Amino acid sequence: MFPTKQHLTMARTLGVAIVVTLGLAACATYDDDFARINSRLDQLDTRVQGAAQSAESANRSAQQANQRLDQIESRVQQLEAQPRRAPRG
C-alpha cells in the first residue's frame, strides 16, 4: 500500500496537532513559575517603594541641614566682620 496524498496530509495534520498539544501542555506547567516570579516582583516593588521613601526623607533632612548651615554661615560672617577686640591684660 503506497501512501497517497490524502494519507500524507492526514499524517502531517496529526503531527502538527501533537506538537501543538505538547507545546500547550508545556506552557501550562509554567503557571507556578509565573506565580513565583510575580510574587518576587511584588516583593521587589515593595522594597523599591520603601527605598524611595527613605531617599525622599533623607533628601528633606539634607535640605533642612543645608538651610541651618546657611543660617550659621551668615552668623559666622557677621562675627568675622566685627572689629577685633584687644586682648585684656
C-alpha atoms as a PDB file:
ATOM      1  CA  MET A   1       0.000   0.000   0.000  1.00  0.00           C
ATOM      2  CA  PHE A   2       1.523   3.232  -1.142  1.00  0.00           C
ATOM      3  CA  PRO A   3       0.906   6.430   0.860  1.00  0.00           C
ATOM      4  CA  THR A   4      -1.377   8.711  -1.005  1.00  0.00           C
ATOM      5  CA  LYS A   5      -1.576  12.454  -0.880  1.00  0.00           C
ATOM      6  CA  GLN A   6      -4.544  12.149   1.482  1.00  0.00           C
ATOM      7  CA  HIS A   7      -2.557   9.913   3.862  1.00  0.00           C
ATOM      8  CA  LEU A   8       0.382  12.353   3.880  1.00  0.00           C
ATOM      9  CA  THR A   9      -1.938  15.278   4.576  1.00  0.00           C
ATOM     10  CA  MET A  10      -3.598  13.396   7.413  1.00  0.00           C
ATOM     11  CA  ALA A  11      -0.205  12.411   8.883  1.00  0.00           C
ATOM     12  CA  ARG A  12       1.052  15.999   8.648  1.00  0.00           C
ATOM     13  CA  THR A  13      -2.107  17.345  10.316  1.00  0.00           C
ATOM     14  CA  LEU A  14      -1.854  14.758  13.066  1.00  0.00           C
ATOM     15  CA  GLY A  15       1.830  15.615  13.622  1.00  0.00           C
ATOM     16  CA  VAL A  16       1.088  19.334  13.865  1.00  0.00           C
ATOM     17  CA  ALA A  17      -1.768  18.642  16.295  1.00  0.00           C
ATOM     18  CA  ILE A  18       0.541  16.561  18.504  1.00  0.00           C
ATOM     19  CA  VAL A  19       3.243  19.243  18.512  1.00  0.00           C
ATOM     20  CA  VAL A  20       0.707  21.974  19.343  1.00  0.00           C
ATOM     21  CA  THR A  21      -0.808  19.867  22.131  1.00  0.00           C
ATOM     22  CA  LEU A  22       2.604  19.202  23.656  1.00  0.00           C
ATOM     23  CA  GLY A  23       3.509  22.870  23.368  1.00  0.00           C
ATOM     24  CA  LEU A  24       0.363  23.995  25.139  1.00  0.00           C
ATOM     25  CA  ALA A  25       0.799  21.358  27.828  1.00  0.00           C
ATOM     26  CA  ALA A  26       4.350  22.590  28.424  1.00  0.00           C
ATOM     27  CA  CYS A  27       3.084  26.173  28.826  1.00  0.00           C
ATOM     28  CA  ALA A  28       0.571  25.058  31.441  1.00  0.00           C
ATOM     29  CA  THR A  29       3.395  23.869  33.687  1.00  0.00           C
ATOM     30  CA  TYR A  30       4.803  27.413  33.806  1.00  0.00           C
ATOM     31  CA  ASP A  31       1.883  28.732  35.880  1.00  0.00           C
ATOM     32  CA  ASP A  32       3.718  28.044  39.138  1.00  0.00           C
ATOM     33  CA  ASP A  33       6.852  29.673  37.777  1.00  0.00           C
ATOM     34  CA  PHE A  34       4.930  32.766  36.697  1.00  0.00           C
ATOM     35  CA  ALA A  35       3.217  32.969  40.088  1.00  0.00           C
ATOM     36  CA  ARG A  36       6.585  32.729  41.846  1.00  0.00           C
ATOM     37  CA  ILE A  37       8.104  35.390  39.587  1.00  0.00           C
ATOM     38  CA  ASN A  38       5.121  37.710  40.096  1.00  0.00           C
ATOM     39  CA  SER A  39       5.390  37.266  43.852  1.00  0.00           C
ATOM     40  CA  ARG A  40       9.087  38.106  43.725  1.00  0.00           C
ATOM     41  CA  LEU A  41       8.389  41.174  41.579  1.00  0.00           C
ATOM     42  CA  ASP A  42       5.784  42.347  44.102  1.00  0.00           C
ATOM     43  CA  GLN A  43       8.322  41.973  46.912  1.00  0.00           C
ATOM     44  CA  LEU A  44      10.925  43.901  44.936  1.00  0.00           C
ATOM     45  CA  ASP A  45       8.399  46.624  44.128  1.00  0.00           C
ATOM     46  CA  THR A  46       7.612  46.997  47.832  1.00  0.00           C
ATOM     47  CA  ARG A  47      11.310  47.253  48.652  1.00  0.00           C
ATOM     48  CA  VAL A  48      11.884  49.821  45.905  1.00  0.00           C
ATOM     49  CA  GLN A  49       8.987  51.936  47.175  1.00  0.00           C
ATOM     50  CA  GLY A  50      10.408  51.758  50.700  1.00  0.00           C
ATOM     51  CA  ALA A  51      13.836  52.782  49.433  1.00  0.00           C
ATOM     52  CA  ALA A  52      12.309  55.680  47.504  1.00  0.00           C
ATOM     53  CA  GLN A  53      10.526  56.888  50.635  1.00  0.00           C
ATOM     54  CA  SER A  54      13.755  56.608  52.637  1.00  0.00           C
ATOM     55  CA  ALA A  55      15.616  58.546  49.956  1.00  0.00           C
ATOM     56  CA  GLU A  56      12.949  61.260  49.969  1.00  0.00           C
ATOM     57  CA  SER A  57      13.162  61.515  53.751  1.00  0.00           C
ATOM     58  CA  ALA A  58      16.949  61.723  53.607  1.00  0.00           C
ATOM     59  CA  ASN A  59      16.681  64.429  50.943  1.00  0.00           C
ATOM     60  CA  ARG A  60      14.354  66.502  53.154  1.00  0.00           C
ATOM     61  CA  SER A  61      16.729  66.104  56.097  1.00  0.00           C
ATOM     62  CA  ALA A  62      19.663  67.173  53.949  1.00  0.00           C
ATOM     63  CA  GLN A  63      17.774  70.256  52.755  1.00  0.00           C
ATOM     64  CA  GLN A  64      16.972  71.204  56.346  1.00  0.00           C
ATOM     65  CA  ALA A  65      20.618  70.720  57.303  1.00  0.00           C
ATOM     66  CA  ASN A  66      21.697  72.911  54.387  1.00  0.00           C
ATOM     67  CA  GLN A  67      19.281  75.649  55.447  1.00  0.00           C
ATOM     68  CA  ARG A  68      20.644  75.517  59.002  1.00  0.00           C
ATOM     69  CA  LEU A  69      24.191  75.626  57.656  1.00  0.00           C
ATOM     70  CA  ASP A  70      23.336  78.709  55.589  1.00  0.00           C
ATOM     71  CA  GLN A  71      21.971  80.409  58.719  1.00  0.00           C
ATOM     72  CA  ILE A  72      25.103  79.559  60.676  1.00  0.00           C
ATOM     73  CA  GLU A  73      27.321  80.700  57.795  1.00  0.00           C
ATOM     74  CA  SER A  74      25.757  84.146  57.744  1.00  0.00           C
ATOM     75  CA  ARG A  75      26.207  84.429  61.537  1.00  0.00           C
ATOM     76  CA  VAL A  76      29.869  83.377  61.252  1.00  0.00           C
ATOM     77  CA  GLN A  77      30.453  86.006  58.556  1.00  0.00           C
ATOM     78  CA  GLN A  78      28.900  88.673  60.788  1.00  0.00           C
ATOM     79  CA  LEU A  79      31.178  87.684  63.652  1.00  0.00           C
ATOM     80  CA  GLU A  80      34.252  87.689  61.447  1.00  0.00           C
ATOM     81  CA  ALA A  81      33.361  91.116  60.062  1.00  0.00           C
ATOM     82  CA  GLN A  82      33.229  92.718  63.516  1.00  0.00           C
ATOM     83  CA  PRO A  83      36.333  94.568  64.625  1.00  0.00           C
ATOM     84  CA  ARG A  84      38.698  92.549  66.732  1.00  0.00           C
ATOM     85  CA  ARG A  85      38.765  93.275  70.400  1.00  0.00           C
ATOM     86  CA  ALA A  86      42.020  93.949  72.054  1.00  0.00           C
ATOM     87  CA  PRO A  87      43.068  91.234  74.464  1.00  0.00           C
ATOM     88  CA  ARG A  88      42.862  92.094  78.144  1.00  0.00           C
ATOM     89  CA  GLY A  89      45.830  92.018  80.291  1.00  0.00           C
END
